[in-house]
């Protein structure tokens, strides 16, 4: 086997053209939907903090500036492990954070109703 050869299979999913939902999968989803939060095993799900900015924008702005930015090694490795365009994903998370804080600042400017 070639040193550079990989046995990793990469698949992409087009959100606009999803595969049909099988009867078995529908039954699994309905069973989970019927459970309370305490009954569901989340042990294999990554920790996600309760932050509105975690919903990173899917469309990225076209104008960007190149900068030098120091980030924690762990943060960089996390994003690098997400694959190609990791810098764009980092930008999307930062943009979502900014938008969330802009919205919060606007609501504070209006004051109590």
C-alpha atoms as a PDB file:
ATOM      1  CA  UNK A   1       0.000   0.000   0.000  1.00  0.00           C
ATOM      2  CA  UNK A   2       1.246   3.464  -0.852  1.00  0.00           C
ATOM      3  CA  UNK A   3       2.394   5.512   2.162  1.00  0.00           C
ATOM      4  CA  UNK A   4       0.100   8.367   1.137  1.00  0.00           C
ATOM      5  CA  UNK A   5      -2.891   6.144   0.400  1.00  0.00           C
ATOM      6  CA  UNK A   6      -5.759   6.423   2.814  1.00  0.00           C
ATOM      7  CA  UNK A   7      -8.606   4.085   3.583  1.00  0.00           C
ATOM      8  CA  UNK A   8     -10.734   6.992   4.775  1.00  0.00           C
ATOM      9  CA  UNK A   9     -13.993   7.409   2.898  1.00  0.00           C
ATOM     10  CA  UNK A  10     -15.221  10.990   2.692  1.00  0.00           C
ATOM     11  CA  UNK A  11     -18.882  11.630   2.012  1.00  0.00           C
ATOM     12  CA  UNK A  12     -20.714  14.877   1.557  1.00  0.00           C
ATOM     13  CA  UNK A  13     -24.353  15.531   2.257  1.00  0.00           C
ATOM     14  CA  UNK A  14     -26.318  18.049   0.245  1.00  0.00           C
ATOM     15  CA  UNK A  15     -28.802  19.658   2.689  1.00  0.00           C
ATOM     16  CA  UNK A  16     -31.039  20.533  -0.261  1.00  0.00           C
ATOM     17  CA  UNK A  17     -31.167  16.912  -1.437  1.00  0.00           C
ATOM     18  CA  UNK A  18     -31.432  14.717   1.659  1.00  0.00           C
ATOM     19  CA  UNK A  19     -31.796  10.936   1.438  1.00  0.00           C
ATOM     20  CA  UNK A  20     -35.262   9.553   2.207  1.00  0.00           C
ATOM     21  CA  UNK A  21     -36.049   8.798   5.846  1.00  0.00           C
ATOM     22  CA  UNK A  22     -36.412   5.035   6.320  1.00  0.00           C
ATOM     23  CA  UNK A  23     -39.150   3.527   8.477  1.00  0.00           C
ATOM     24  CA  UNK A  24     -36.508   2.229  10.908  1.00  0.00           C
ATOM     25  CA  UNK A  25     -34.847   5.639  11.252  1.00  0.00           C
ATOM     26  CA  UNK A  26     -38.246   7.344  11.664  1.00  0.00           C
ATOM     27  CA  UNK A  27     -39.097   4.906  14.485  1.00  0.00           C
ATOM     28  CA  UNK A  28     -35.737   5.598  16.182  1.00  0.00           C
ATOM     29  CA  UNK A  29     -36.304   9.355  15.983  1.00  0.00           C
ATOM     30  CA  UNK A  30     -39.851   9.056  17.337  1.00  0.00           C
ATOM     31  CA  UNK A  31     -38.603   6.919  20.247  1.00  0.00           C
ATOM     32  CA  UNK A  32     -35.993   9.548  21.156  1.00  0.00           C
ATOM     33  CA  UNK A  33     -38.545  12.357  20.781  1.00  0.00           C
ATOM     34  CA  UNK A  34     -40.795  10.576  23.296  1.00  0.00           C
ATOM     35  CA  UNK A  35     -37.993  10.433  25.920  1.00  0.00           C
ATOM     36  CA  UNK A  36     -37.392  13.076  28.551  1.00  0.00           C
ATOM     37  CA  UNK A  37     -34.037  14.875  28.478  1.00  0.00           C
ATOM     38  CA  UNK A  38     -32.875  12.871  31.505  1.00  0.00           C
ATOM     39  CA  UNK A  39     -33.456   9.580  29.668  1.00  0.00           C
ATOM     40  CA  UNK A  40     -31.360  10.482  26.628  1.00  0.00           C
ATOM     41  CA  UNK A  41     -27.703   9.380  26.624  1.00  0.00           C
ATOM     42  CA  UNK A  42     -25.616  12.385  25.546  1.00  0.00           C
ATOM     43  CA  UNK A  43     -22.259  10.773  26.412  1.00  0.00           C
ATOM     44  CA  UNK A  44     -21.125  10.638  22.773  1.00  0.00           C
ATOM     45  CA  UNK A  45     -22.126  14.243  22.003  1.00  0.00           C
ATOM     46  CA  UNK A  46     -19.465  16.961  22.236  1.00  0.00           C
ATOM     47  CA  UNK A  47     -19.910  19.649  24.877  1.00  0.00           C
ATOM     48  CA  UNK A  48     -21.395  22.822  23.428  1.00  0.00           C
ATOM     49  CA  UNK A  49     -21.730  25.830  25.719  1.00  0.00           C
ATOM     50  CA  UNK A  50     -25.065  27.580  25.873  1.00  0.00           C
ATOM     51  CA  UNK A  51     -24.060  30.527  23.745  1.00  0.00           C
ATOM     52  CA  UNK A  52     -26.119  32.083  20.996  1.00  0.00           C
ATOM     53  CA  UNK A  53     -22.996  32.735  18.926  1.00  0.00           C
ATOM     54  CA  UNK A  54     -22.328  29.000  18.542  1.00  0.00           C
ATOM     55  CA  UNK A  55     -24.700  29.067  15.582  1.00  0.00           C
ATOM     56  CA  UNK A  56     -21.999  30.227  13.211  1.00  0.00           C
ATOM     57  CA  UNK A  57     -23.069  31.827   9.961  1.00  0.00           C
ATOM     58  CA  UNK A  58     -22.986  29.535   6.946  1.00  0.00           C
ATOM     59  CA  UNK A  59     -22.426  32.351   4.468  1.00  0.00           C
ATOM     60  CA  UNK A  60     -19.161  34.139   4.959  1.00  0.00           C
ATOM     61  CA  UNK A  61     -18.365  37.717   3.966  1.00  0.00           C
ATOM     62  CA  UNK A  62     -16.179  38.098   0.917  1.00  0.00           C
ATOM     63  CA  UNK A  63     -13.936  40.896   2.138  1.00  0.00           C
ATOM     64  CA  UNK A  64     -11.386  39.800   4.659  1.00  0.00           C
ATOM     65  CA  UNK A  65      -8.173  41.240   6.019  1.00  0.00           C
ATOM     66  CA  UNK A  66      -5.101  39.162   6.592  1.00  0.00           C
ATOM     67  CA  UNK A  67      -3.783  39.466  10.149  1.00  0.00           C
ATOM     68  CA  UNK A  68      -1.539  37.665  12.563  1.00  0.00           C
ATOM     69  CA  UNK A  69      -3.573  36.267  15.417  1.00  0.00           C
ATOM     70  CA  UNK A  70      -2.384  34.370  18.453  1.00  0.00           C
ATOM     71  CA  UNK A  71      -4.787  31.682  19.653  1.00  0.00           C
ATOM     72  CA  UNK A  72      -4.427  28.860  22.134  1.00  0.00           C
ATOM     73  CA  UNK A  73      -2.828  25.766  20.620  1.00  0.00           C
ATOM     74  CA  UNK A  74      -5.832  23.685  21.691  1.00  0.00           C
ATOM     75  CA  UNK A  75      -8.226  26.036  19.862  1.00  0.00           C
ATOM     76  CA  UNK A  76      -6.149  25.911  16.685  1.00  0.00           C
ATOM     77  CA  UNK A  77      -5.879  22.119  16.782  1.00  0.00           C
ATOM     78  CA  UNK A  78      -9.639  21.804  17.323  1.00  0.00           C
ATOM     79  CA  UNK A  79     -10.415  23.838  14.213  1.00  0.00           C
ATOM     80  CA  UNK A  80      -7.660  22.197  12.134  1.00  0.00           C
ATOM     81  CA  UNK A  81      -9.179  18.797  12.899  1.00  0.00           C
ATOM     82  CA  UNK A  82     -12.480  19.962  11.391  1.00  0.00           C
ATOM     83  CA  UNK A  83     -10.862  19.846   7.957  1.00  0.00           C
ATOM     84  CA  UNK A  84     -10.232  22.207   5.096  1.00  0.00           C
ATOM     85  CA  UNK A  85     -11.345  25.824   5.445  1.00  0.00           C
ATOM     86  CA  UNK A  86     -10.875  25.717   9.207  1.00  0.00           C
ATOM     87  CA  UNK A  87      -9.866  29.383   9.166  1.00  0.00           C
ATOM     88  CA  UNK A  88     -13.189  30.252   7.540  1.00  0.00           C
ATOM     89  CA  UNK A  89     -15.001  28.331  10.290  1.00  0.00           C
ATOM     90  CA  UNK A  90     -13.020  30.237  12.929  1.00  0.00           C
ATOM     91  CA  UNK A  91     -14.069  33.464  11.210  1.00  0.00           C
ATOM     92  CA  UNK A  92     -17.714  32.309  11.133  1.00  0.00           C
ATOM     93  CA  UNK A  93     -17.691  31.655  14.889  1.00  0.00           C
ATOM     94  CA  UNK A  94     -16.139  35.058  15.563  1.00  0.00           C
ATOM     95  CA  UNK A  95     -18.660  36.747  13.239  1.00  0.00           C
ATOM     96  CA  UNK A  96     -21.580  35.051  15.031  1.00  0.00           C
ATOM     97  CA  UNK A  97     -20.177  36.235  18.359  1.00  0.00           C
ATOM     98  CA  UNK A  98     -19.954  39.812  17.058  1.00  0.00           C
ATOM     99  CA  UNK A  99     -23.503  39.723  15.642  1.00  0.00           C
ATOM    100  CA  UNK A 100     -24.892  38.357  18.914  1.00  0.00           C
ATOM    101  CA  UNK A 101     -23.189  41.100  20.892  1.00  0.00           C
ATOM    102  CA  UNK A 102     -24.337  43.786  18.455  1.00  0.00           C
ATOM    103  CA  UNK A 103     -27.931  42.600  18.893  1.00  0.00           C
ATOM    104  CA  UNK A 104     -27.510  42.565  22.674  1.00  0.00           C
ATOM    105  CA  UNK A 105     -26.056  46.098  22.660  1.00  0.00           C
ATOM    106  CA  UNK A 106     -28.982  47.351  20.547  1.00  0.00           C
ATOM    107  CA  UNK A 107     -31.500  45.870  22.990  1.00  0.00           C
ATOM    108  CA  UNK A 108     -29.688  47.553  25.902  1.00  0.00           C
ATOM    109  CA  UNK A 109     -29.709  50.897  24.044  1.00  0.00           C
ATOM    110  CA  UNK A 110     -33.488  50.731  23.791  1.00  0.00           C
ATOM    111  CA  UNK A 111     -33.794  50.325  27.555  1.00  0.00           C
ATOM    112  CA  UNK A 112     -36.738  48.827  29.423  1.00  0.00           C
ATOM    113  CA  UNK A 113     -40.078  48.880  27.657  1.00  0.00           C
END
